[in-house]
Every structure is written in C-alpha cells, then in structure tokens.
PDB file of N, CA and C in Angstrom:
ATOM      1  N   UNK A   1       4.596 -14.571 -11.123  1.00  0.00           N
ATOM      2  CA  UNK A   1       4.112 -13.139 -11.361  1.00  0.00           C
ATOM      3  C   UNK A   1       4.236 -12.430  -9.946  1.00  0.00           C
ATOM      4  N   UNK A   2       4.841 -11.302  -9.866  1.00  0.00           N
ATOM      5  CA  UNK A   2       5.192 -10.799  -8.801  1.00  0.00           C
ATOM      6  C   UNK A   2       4.048  -9.748  -8.396  1.00  0.00           C
ATOM      7  N   UNK A   3       3.577  -9.217  -7.095  1.00  0.00           N
ATOM      8  CA  UNK A   3       2.731  -8.553  -6.638  1.00  0.00           C
ATOM      9  C   UNK A   3       2.789  -7.192  -7.038  1.00  0.00           C
ATOM     10  N   UNK A   4       1.882  -6.366  -7.440  1.00  0.00           N
ATOM     11  CA  UNK A   4       2.200  -4.866  -7.523  1.00  0.00           C
ATOM     12  C   UNK A   4       2.148  -4.215  -6.279  1.00  0.00           C
ATOM     13  N   UNK A   5       2.680  -2.746  -6.025  1.00  0.00           N
ATOM     14  CA  UNK A   5       2.244  -1.953  -4.792  1.00  0.00           C
ATOM     15  C   UNK A   5       1.056  -2.104  -4.301  1.00  0.00           C
ATOM     16  N   UNK A   6      -0.021  -2.156  -5.555  1.00  0.00           N
ATOM     17  CA  UNK A   6      -1.631  -1.684  -5.215  1.00  0.00           C
ATOM     18  C   UNK A   6      -1.832  -3.135  -4.571  1.00  0.00           C
ATOM     19  N   UNK A   7      -1.519  -4.697  -5.389  1.00  0.00           N
ATOM     20  CA  UNK A   7      -2.004  -5.910  -4.713  1.00  0.00           C
ATOM     21  C   UNK A   7      -1.154  -6.162  -3.259  1.00  0.00           C
ATOM     22  N   UNK A   8      -0.093  -5.567  -3.125  1.00  0.00           N
ATOM     23  CA  UNK A   8       0.285  -5.603  -1.798  1.00  0.00           C
ATOM     24  C   UNK A   8      -0.387  -4.846  -0.614  1.00  0.00           C
ATOM     25  N   UNK A   9      -0.586  -3.438  -1.169  1.00  0.00           N
ATOM     26  CA  UNK A   9      -1.274  -2.477  -0.342  1.00  0.00           C
ATOM     27  C   UNK A   9      -2.686  -3.210   0.168  1.00  0.00           C
ATOM     28  N   UNK A  10      -3.372  -3.864  -0.964  1.00  0.00           N
ATOM     29  CA  UNK A  10      -4.743  -4.705  -0.448  1.00  0.00           C
ATOM     30  C   UNK A  10      -4.675  -5.502   0.416  1.00  0.00           C
ATOM     31  N   UNK A  11      -3.486  -6.365   0.188  1.00  0.00           N
ATOM     32  CA  UNK A  11      -3.357  -7.460   1.373  1.00  0.00           C
ATOM     33  C   UNK A  11      -3.085  -6.840   2.585  1.00  0.00           C
ATOM     34  N   UNK A  12      -2.398  -5.823   2.871  1.00  0.00           N
ATOM     35  CA  UNK A  12      -1.996  -5.261   4.032  1.00  0.00           C
ATOM     36  C   UNK A  12      -3.257  -4.729   4.773  1.00  0.00           C
ATOM     37  N   UNK A  13      -3.727  -4.004   4.374  1.00  0.00           N
ATOM     38  CA  UNK A  13      -5.199  -3.294   4.490  1.00  0.00           C
ATOM     39  C   UNK A  13      -6.181  -4.644   4.825  1.00  0.00           C
ATOM     40  N   UNK A  14      -6.286  -5.263   4.374  1.00  0.00           N
ATOM     41  CA  UNK A  14      -7.220  -6.612   4.631  1.00  0.00           C
ATOM     42  C   UNK A  14      -6.702  -7.000   6.199  1.00  0.00           C
ATOM     43  N   UNK A  15      -5.347  -7.404   6.237  1.00  0.00           N
ATOM     44  CA  UNK A  15      -4.635  -7.784   7.461  1.00  0.00           C
ATOM     45  C   UNK A  15      -5.118  -6.676   8.588  1.00  0.00           C
ATOM     46  N   UNK A  16      -4.729  -5.622   8.507  1.00  0.00           N
ATOM     47  CA  UNK A  16      -4.827  -4.561   9.327  1.00  0.00           C
ATOM     48  C   UNK A  16      -6.376  -4.414   9.708  1.00  0.00           C
ATOM     49  N   UNK A  17      -7.034  -4.580   8.815  1.00  0.00           N
ATOM     50  CA  UNK A  17      -8.536  -4.223   9.289  1.00  0.00           C
ATOM     51  C   UNK A  17      -8.934  -5.494  10.199  1.00  0.00           C
ATOM     52  N   UNK A  18      -8.443  -6.732   9.784  1.00  0.00           N
ATOM     53  CA  UNK A  18      -8.490  -8.070  10.643  1.00  0.00           C
ATOM     54  C   UNK A  18      -8.207  -8.083  12.143  1.00  0.00           C
ATOM     55  N   UNK A  19      -7.087  -7.212  12.185  1.00  0.00           N
ATOM     56  CA  UNK A  19      -6.418  -6.989  13.489  1.00  0.00           C
ATOM     57  C   UNK A  19      -7.462  -5.968  14.455  1.00  0.00           C
ATOM     58  N   UNK A  20      -7.761  -4.674  13.736  1.00  0.00           N
ATOM     59  CA  UNK A  20      -8.459  -3.586  14.136  1.00  0.00           C
ATOM     60  C   UNK A  20      -9.996  -4.285  14.629  1.00  0.00           C
ATOM     61  N   UNK A  21     -10.710  -5.125  14.039  1.00  0.00           N
ATOM     62  CA  UNK A  21     -11.839  -5.630  14.210  1.00  0.00           C
ATOM     63  C   UNK A  21     -11.744  -6.617  15.654  1.00  0.00           C
ATOM     64  N   UNK A  22     -10.466  -7.627  15.313  1.00  0.00           N
ATOM     65  CA  UNK A  22     -10.334  -8.294  16.659  1.00  0.00           C
ATOM     66  C   UNK A  22     -10.184  -7.586  18.030  1.00  0.00           C
ATOM     67  N   UNK A  23      -9.303  -6.678  17.498  1.00  0.00           N
ATOM     68  CA  UNK A  23      -9.144  -5.829  18.887  1.00  0.00           C
ATOM     69  C   UNK A  23     -10.189  -4.973  19.524  1.00  0.00           C
ATOM     70  N   UNK A  24     -11.190  -4.626  18.444  1.00  0.00           N
ATOM     71  CA  UNK A  24     -12.383  -4.050  18.963  1.00  0.00           C
ATOM     72  C   UNK A  24     -13.637  -4.886  19.553  1.00  0.00           C
ATOM     73  N   UNK A  25     -13.354  -6.033  19.337  1.00  0.00           N
ATOM     74  CA  UNK A  25     -14.377  -6.913  19.664  1.00  0.00           C
ATOM     75  C   UNK A  25     -15.349  -6.977  18.656  1.00  0.00           C
ATOM     76  N   UNK A  26     -15.389  -6.728  17.571  1.00  0.00           N
ATOM     77  CA  UNK A  26     -16.169  -6.871  16.522  1.00  0.00           C
ATOM     78  C   UNK A  26     -16.328  -8.166  15.631  1.00  0.00           C
ATOM     79  N   UNK A  27     -17.253  -8.979  15.819  1.00  0.00           N
ATOM     80  CA  UNK A  27     -17.212 -10.154  15.214  1.00  0.00           C
ATOM     81  C   UNK A  27     -17.689  -9.866  13.638  1.00  0.00           C
ATOM     82  N   UNK A  28     -17.054 -10.528  12.621  1.00  0.00           N
ATOM     83  CA  UNK A  28     -16.885 -10.163  11.438  1.00  0.00           C
ATOM     84  C   UNK A  28     -17.392 -11.499  10.513  1.00  0.00           C
ATOM     85  N   UNK A  29     -17.945 -11.552   9.480  1.00  0.00           N
ATOM     86  CA  UNK A  29     -18.120 -12.946   8.712  1.00  0.00           C
ATOM     87  C   UNK A  29     -17.072 -13.009   7.668  1.00  0.00           C
ATOM     88  N   UNK A  30     -17.112 -11.507   7.256  1.00  0.00           N
ATOM     89  CA  UNK A  30     -15.769 -11.622   5.890  1.00  0.00           C
ATOM     90  C   UNK A  30     -14.944 -10.175   5.576  1.00  0.00           C
ATOM     91  N   UNK A  31     -13.897 -10.372   5.047  1.00  0.00           N
ATOM     92  CA  UNK A  31     -13.349  -8.683   4.824  1.00  0.00           C
ATOM     93  C   UNK A  31     -12.676  -9.028   3.580  1.00  0.00           C
ATOM     94  N   UNK A  32     -13.209  -8.112   2.340  1.00  0.00           N
ATOM     95  CA  UNK A  32     -12.697  -8.132   1.173  1.00  0.00           C
ATOM     96  C   UNK A  32     -12.022  -7.155   0.738  1.00  0.00           C
ATOM     97  N   UNK A  33     -11.110  -6.814   0.123  1.00  0.00           N
ATOM     98  CA  UNK A  33     -10.573  -5.787  -0.647  1.00  0.00           C
ATOM     99  C   UNK A  33     -10.452  -5.831  -2.034  1.00  0.00           C
ATOM    100  N   UNK A  34     -11.382  -5.306  -2.729  1.00  0.00           N
ATOM    101  CA  UNK A  34     -11.400  -5.890  -4.138  1.00  0.00           C
ATOM    102  C   UNK A  34     -11.214  -4.219  -5.098  1.00  0.00           C
ATOM    103  N   UNK A  35     -10.783  -4.627  -6.193  1.00  0.00           N
ATOM    104  CA  UNK A  35     -10.939  -3.415  -7.098  1.00  0.00           C
ATOM    105  C   UNK A  35     -11.166  -3.790  -8.722  1.00  0.00           C
ATOM    106  N   UNK A  36     -11.812  -2.967  -9.500  1.00  0.00           N
ATOM    107  CA  UNK A  36     -11.904  -3.320 -10.866  1.00  0.00           C
ATOM    108  C   UNK A  36     -13.516  -4.026 -10.616  1.00  0.00           C
ATOM    109  N   UNK A  37     -13.720  -4.673 -12.000  1.00  0.00           N
ATOM    110  CA  UNK A  37     -15.317  -5.312 -12.124  1.00  0.00           C
ATOM    111  C   UNK A  37     -16.043  -4.288 -12.454  1.00  0.00           C
ATOM    112  N   UNK A  38     -17.307  -4.696 -12.130  1.00  0.00           N
ATOM    113  CA  UNK A  38     -18.355  -3.913 -12.638  1.00  0.00           C
ATOM    114  C   UNK A  38     -18.815  -3.150 -11.191  1.00  0.00           C
ATOM    115  N   UNK A  39     -18.439  -2.882 -10.231  1.00  0.00           N
ATOM    116  CA  UNK A  39     -18.683  -2.286  -9.045  1.00  0.00           C
ATOM    117  C   UNK A  39     -18.012  -0.820  -8.880  1.00  0.00           C
ATOM    118  N   UNK A  40     -16.499  -1.120  -8.848  1.00  0.00           N
ATOM    119  CA  UNK A  40     -15.618  -0.044  -8.814  1.00  0.00           C
ATOM    120  C   UNK A  40     -14.790   0.170  -9.832  1.00  0.00           C
ATOM    121  N   UNK A  41     -14.059   1.300 -10.074  1.00  0.00           N
ATOM    122  CA  UNK A  41     -13.224   1.761 -11.038  1.00  0.00           C
ATOM    123  C   UNK A  41     -11.933   1.084 -10.554  1.00  0.00           C
ATOM    124  N   UNK A  42     -11.067   0.797 -11.714  1.00  0.00           N
ATOM    125  CA  UNK A  42      -9.597   0.148 -11.683  1.00  0.00           C
ATOM    126  C   UNK A  42      -8.777   0.708 -10.542  1.00  0.00           C
ATOM    127  N   UNK A  43      -8.919   2.103 -10.329  1.00  0.00           N
ATOM    128  CA  UNK A  43      -8.142   2.995  -9.480  1.00  0.00           C
ATOM    129  C   UNK A  43      -8.609   2.862  -8.354  1.00  0.00           C
ATOM    130  N   UNK A  44      -9.813   2.290  -7.783  1.00  0.00           N
ATOM    131  CA  UNK A  44     -10.354   2.352  -6.689  1.00  0.00           C
ATOM    132  C   UNK A  44     -10.103   0.961  -5.840  1.00  0.00           C
ATOM    133  N   UNK A  45      -9.973   0.824  -4.521  1.00  0.00           N
ATOM    134  CA  UNK A  45     -10.327  -0.603  -3.811  1.00  0.00           C
ATOM    135  C   UNK A  45     -11.339  -0.231  -2.922  1.00  0.00           C
ATOM    136  N   UNK A  46     -12.369  -1.240  -3.137  1.00  0.00           N
ATOM    137  CA  UNK A  46     -13.324  -1.102  -1.984  1.00  0.00           C
ATOM    138  C   UNK A  46     -12.897  -2.494  -1.074  1.00  0.00           C
ATOM    139  N   UNK A  47     -12.973  -1.719   0.239  1.00  0.00           N
ATOM    140  CA  UNK A  47     -12.780  -2.658   1.322  1.00  0.00           C
ATOM    141  C   UNK A  47     -14.165  -2.954   2.025  1.00  0.00           C
ATOM    142  N   UNK A  48     -14.549  -4.060   1.782  1.00  0.00           N
ATOM    143  CA  UNK A  48     -16.179  -4.366   2.351  1.00  0.00           C
ATOM    144  C   UNK A  48     -15.859  -5.298   3.413  1.00  0.00           C
ATOM    145  N   UNK A  49     -16.583  -4.907   4.525  1.00  0.00           N
ATOM    146  CA  UNK A  49     -16.631  -6.044   5.835  1.00  0.00           C
ATOM    147  C   UNK A  49     -18.037  -6.479   6.113  1.00  0.00           C
ATOM    148  N   UNK A  50     -18.317  -7.464   6.371  1.00  0.00           N
ATOM    149  CA  UNK A  50     -19.690  -8.100   6.718  1.00  0.00           C
ATOM    150  C   UNK A  50     -19.606  -8.431   8.442  1.00  0.00           C
ATOM    151  N   UNK A  51     -20.593  -7.911   8.914  1.00  0.00           N
ATOM    152  CA  UNK A  51     -20.959  -7.944  10.385  1.00  0.00           C
ATOM    153  C   UNK A  51     -22.240  -8.282  10.559  1.00  0.00           C
ATOM    154  N   UNK A  52     -22.358  -9.350  11.327  1.00  0.00           N
ATOM    155  CA  UNK A  52     -23.974  -9.654  11.510  1.00  0.00           C
ATOM    156  C   UNK A  52     -24.815  -9.954  10.245  1.00  0.00           C
ATOM    157  N   UNK A  53     -24.282 -10.347   8.894  1.00  0.00           N
ATOM    158  CA  UNK A  53     -24.728 -10.446   7.789  1.00  0.00           C
ATOM    159  C   UNK A  53     -25.151  -9.238   7.102  1.00  0.00           C
ATOM    160  N   UNK A  54     -24.876  -7.992   7.513  1.00  0.00           N
ATOM    161  CA  UNK A  54     -24.783  -6.742   6.625  1.00  0.00           C
ATOM    162  C   UNK A  54     -23.647  -6.498   6.486  1.00  0.00           C
ATOM    163  N   UNK A  55     -23.359  -6.164   5.225  1.00  0.00           N
ATOM    164  CA  UNK A  55     -22.142  -5.589   4.291  1.00  0.00           C
ATOM    165  C   UNK A  55     -22.063  -4.132   4.169  1.00  0.00           C
ATOM    166  N   UNK A  56     -20.726  -3.704   4.720  1.00  0.00           N
ATOM    167  CA  UNK A  56     -20.448  -2.325   4.610  1.00  0.00           C
ATOM    168  C   UNK A  56     -19.220  -2.195   3.760  1.00  0.00           C
ATOM    169  N   UNK A  57     -19.151  -1.081   3.047  1.00  0.00           N
ATOM    170  CA  UNK A  57     -17.823  -0.720   2.649  1.00  0.00           C
ATOM    171  C   UNK A  57     -17.438   0.925   2.906  1.00  0.00           C
ATOM    172  N   UNK A  58     -16.018   0.989   2.323  1.00  0.00           N
ATOM    173  CA  UNK A  58     -15.087   2.116   2.074  1.00  0.00           C
ATOM    174  C   UNK A  58     -14.488   2.042   0.819  1.00  0.00           C
ATOM    175  N   UNK A  59     -14.384   3.173   0.156  1.00  0.00           N
ATOM    176  CA  UNK A  59     -13.868   2.902  -0.877  1.00  0.00           C
ATOM    177  C   UNK A  59     -12.230   3.922  -0.805  1.00  0.00           C
ATOM    178  N   UNK A  60     -11.293   3.224  -1.240  1.00  0.00           N
ATOM    179  CA  UNK A  60     -10.156   3.923  -0.873  1.00  0.00           C
ATOM    180  C   UNK A  60      -9.464   4.112  -2.415  1.00  0.00           C
ATOM    181  N   UNK A  61      -8.406   4.987  -2.595  1.00  0.00           N
ATOM    182  CA  UNK A  61      -8.064   5.617  -3.835  1.00  0.00           C
ATOM    183  C   UNK A  61      -6.794   4.523  -4.385  1.00  0.00           C
ATOM    184  N   UNK A  62      -6.266   4.414  -5.449  1.00  0.00           N
ATOM    185  CA  UNK A  62      -5.086   3.639  -5.670  1.00  0.00           C
ATOM    186  C   UNK A  62      -4.035   4.360  -5.046  1.00  0.00           C
ATOM    187  N   UNK A  63      -3.926   5.519  -4.896  1.00  0.00           N
ATOM    188  CA  UNK A  63      -2.506   6.301  -4.054  1.00  0.00           C
ATOM    189  C   UNK A  63      -2.827   5.962  -2.699  1.00  0.00           C
ATOM    190  N   UNK A  64      -3.672   5.523  -2.060  1.00  0.00           N
ATOM    191  CA  UNK A  64      -3.845   5.400  -0.690  1.00  0.00           C
ATOM    192  C   UNK A  64      -3.413   3.834  -0.397  1.00  0.00           C
ATOM    193  N   UNK A  65      -4.141   2.961  -1.403  1.00  0.00           N
ATOM    194  CA  UNK A  65      -3.781   1.515  -1.336  1.00  0.00           C
ATOM    195  C   UNK A  65      -2.141   1.509  -1.280  1.00  0.00           C
ATOM    196  N   UNK A  66      -1.587   2.074  -2.342  1.00  0.00           N
ATOM    197  CA  UNK A  66      -0.095   1.934  -2.698  1.00  0.00           C
ATOM    198  C   UNK A  66       0.814   2.329  -1.515  1.00  0.00           C
ATOM    199  N   UNK A  67       0.079   3.203  -0.795  1.00  0.00           N
ATOM    200  CA  UNK A  67       0.964   3.848   0.304  1.00  0.00           C
ATOM    201  C   UNK A  67       1.355   2.725   1.533  1.00  0.00           C
ATOM    202  N   UNK A  68       0.228   2.067   1.629  1.00  0.00           N
ATOM    203  CA  UNK A  68       0.053   0.926   2.739  1.00  0.00           C
ATOM    204  C   UNK A  68       0.492  -0.619   2.101  1.00  0.00           C
ATOM    205  N   UNK A  69       1.374  -0.293   0.950  1.00  0.00           N
ATOM    206  CA  UNK A  69       2.447  -1.654   0.826  1.00  0.00           C
ATOM    207  C   UNK A  69       3.122  -2.158   2.095  1.00  0.00           C
ATOM    208  N   UNK A  70       3.556  -1.373   3.038  1.00  0.00           N
ATOM    209  CA  UNK A  70       4.330  -1.783   4.088  1.00  0.00           C
ATOM    210  C   UNK A  70       3.497  -1.547   5.131  1.00  0.00           C
ATOM    211  N   UNK A  71       3.143  -0.534   5.348  1.00  0.00           N
ATOM    212  CA  UNK A  71       2.452  -0.082   6.789  1.00  0.00           C
ATOM    213  C   UNK A  71       1.185   0.807   6.497  1.00  0.00           C
ATOM    214  N   UNK A  72       0.151   0.479   7.070  1.00  0.00           N
ATOM    215  CA  UNK A  72      -1.359   1.122   6.904  1.00  0.00           C
ATOM    216  C   UNK A  72      -0.726   2.464   7.903  1.00  0.00           C
ATOM    217  N   UNK A  73      -1.226   3.595   7.023  1.00  0.00           N
ATOM    218  CA  UNK A  73      -0.850   5.109   7.530  1.00  0.00           C
ATOM    219  C   UNK A  73      -1.720   5.848   6.601  1.00  0.00           C
ATOM    220  N   UNK A  74      -1.659   7.176   7.305  1.00  0.00           N
ATOM    221  CA  UNK A  74      -2.061   8.413   6.484  1.00  0.00           C
ATOM    222  C   UNK A  74      -3.500   8.482   6.484  1.00  0.00           C
ATOM    223  N   UNK A  75      -3.724   8.633   5.073  1.00  0.00           N
ATOM    224  CA  UNK A  75      -5.186   9.000   4.938  1.00  0.00           C
ATOM    225  C   UNK A  75      -6.292   7.708   5.010  1.00  0.00           C
ATOM    226  N   UNK A  76      -5.493   6.542   4.454  1.00  0.00           N
ATOM    227  CA  UNK A  76      -6.158   5.217   4.429  1.00  0.00           C
ATOM    228  C   UNK A  76      -6.238   4.995   6.071  1.00  0.00           C
ATOM    229  N   UNK A  77      -5.326   4.885   6.824  1.00  0.00           N
ATOM    230  CA  UNK A  77      -5.280   4.650   7.890  1.00  0.00           C
ATOM    231  C   UNK A  77      -6.746   5.291   8.909  1.00  0.00           C
ATOM    232  N   UNK A  78      -6.724   6.717   8.437  1.00  0.00           N
ATOM    233  CA  UNK A  78      -7.825   7.499   9.314  1.00  0.00           C
ATOM    234  C   UNK A  78      -9.534   6.791   8.716  1.00  0.00           C
ATOM    235  N   UNK A  79      -9.523   6.811   7.323  1.00  0.00           N
ATOM    236  CA  UNK A  79     -10.654   6.355   6.599  1.00  0.00           C
ATOM    237  C   UNK A  79     -10.854   4.939   7.009  1.00  0.00           C
ATOM    238  N   UNK A  80      -9.886   3.896   7.383  1.00  0.00           N
ATOM    239  CA  UNK A  80     -10.202   2.936   7.982  1.00  0.00           C
ATOM    240  C   UNK A  80     -10.693   2.885   9.465  1.00  0.00           C
ATOM    241  N   UNK A  81     -10.233   3.746  10.192  1.00  0.00           N
ATOM    242  CA  UNK A  81     -10.339   3.915  11.701  1.00  0.00           C
ATOM    243  C   UNK A  81     -11.649   4.198  11.692  1.00  0.00           C
ATOM    244  N   UNK A  82     -12.241   5.388  10.857  1.00  0.00           N
ATOM    245  CA  UNK A  82     -13.818   6.005  10.782  1.00  0.00           C
ATOM    246  C   UNK A  82     -14.647   4.938  10.364  1.00  0.00           C
ATOM    247  N   UNK A  83     -14.222   4.104   9.636  1.00  0.00           N
ATOM    248  CA  UNK A  83     -15.294   2.805   8.991  1.00  0.00           C
ATOM    249  C   UNK A  83     -15.587   2.071  10.209  1.00  0.00           C
ATOM    250  N   UNK A  84     -14.428   1.323  10.769  1.00  0.00           N
ATOM    251  CA  UNK A  84     -14.672   0.475  11.774  1.00  0.00           C
ATOM    252  C   UNK A  84     -15.379   1.058  13.108  1.00  0.00           C
ATOM    253  N   UNK A  85     -15.485   2.209  13.308  1.00  0.00           N
ATOM    254  CA  UNK A  85     -16.175   3.055  14.464  1.00  0.00           C
ATOM    255  C   UNK A  85     -17.637   3.094  13.893  1.00  0.00           C
ATOM    256  N   UNK A  86     -17.672   2.926  12.598  1.00  0.00           N
ATOM    257  CA  UNK A  86     -19.441   2.761  12.213  1.00  0.00           C
ATOM    258  C   UNK A  86     -20.035   1.371  12.247  1.00  0.00           C
ATOM    259  N   UNK A  87     -19.027   0.290  12.315  1.00  0.00           N
ATOM    260  CA  UNK A  87     -19.340  -0.867  12.241  1.00  0.00           C
ATOM    261  C   UNK A  87     -19.758  -1.363  13.785  1.00  0.00           C
ATOM    262  N   UNK A  88     -19.177  -0.421  14.797  1.00  0.00           N
ATOM    263  CA  UNK A  88     -19.734  -0.635  16.216  1.00  0.00           C
ATOM    264  C   UNK A  88     -21.283  -0.844  16.292  1.00  0.00           C
TER     265      UNK A  88
END
C-alpha cells in the first residue's frame, strides 16, 4: 500500500523537527506526528514532542501537512519554528 501525501508529509515533518531540535541543542525523548483517533480530527496532524518528561504539541492542518510532502515550508515551517522556540 502506497503512502498518501498526508502520510509522507507527517514523516517529513517529524524528520525536520528532529533535525531542528538537534541543531538547537534541545534534548528530547520522543517526536510523534499523529492524526485521527480520539484526540484529533482526521484532517489535523498533531505534532507532539516530549522534552524533559513534558509533552508539548502543535496542530497542523491536512493542507499544511500535505504541502510538506517533499519539503517543510510555508505556514507549517513557521508554526514548527515557533513551536521549537517555545520548547527552549
């Protein structure tokens, strides 16, 4: 089964966040980018990062995630940058 643009975007975002956290010198326990389930609407991806035992998250729309299929840019890039700043 092939991955959708949404699934590829979630993977790309998680990899991008990992790189940015390492570049910023922020130690983290986990990075998750999930959608659906009981916590989020199917058209939303919740990016959750656990730092020092405390989980923080930011929600991204399906459109923002699908745009990141090849490269993280646009509104998602800005949201992720602001999110990482809050983790410092």
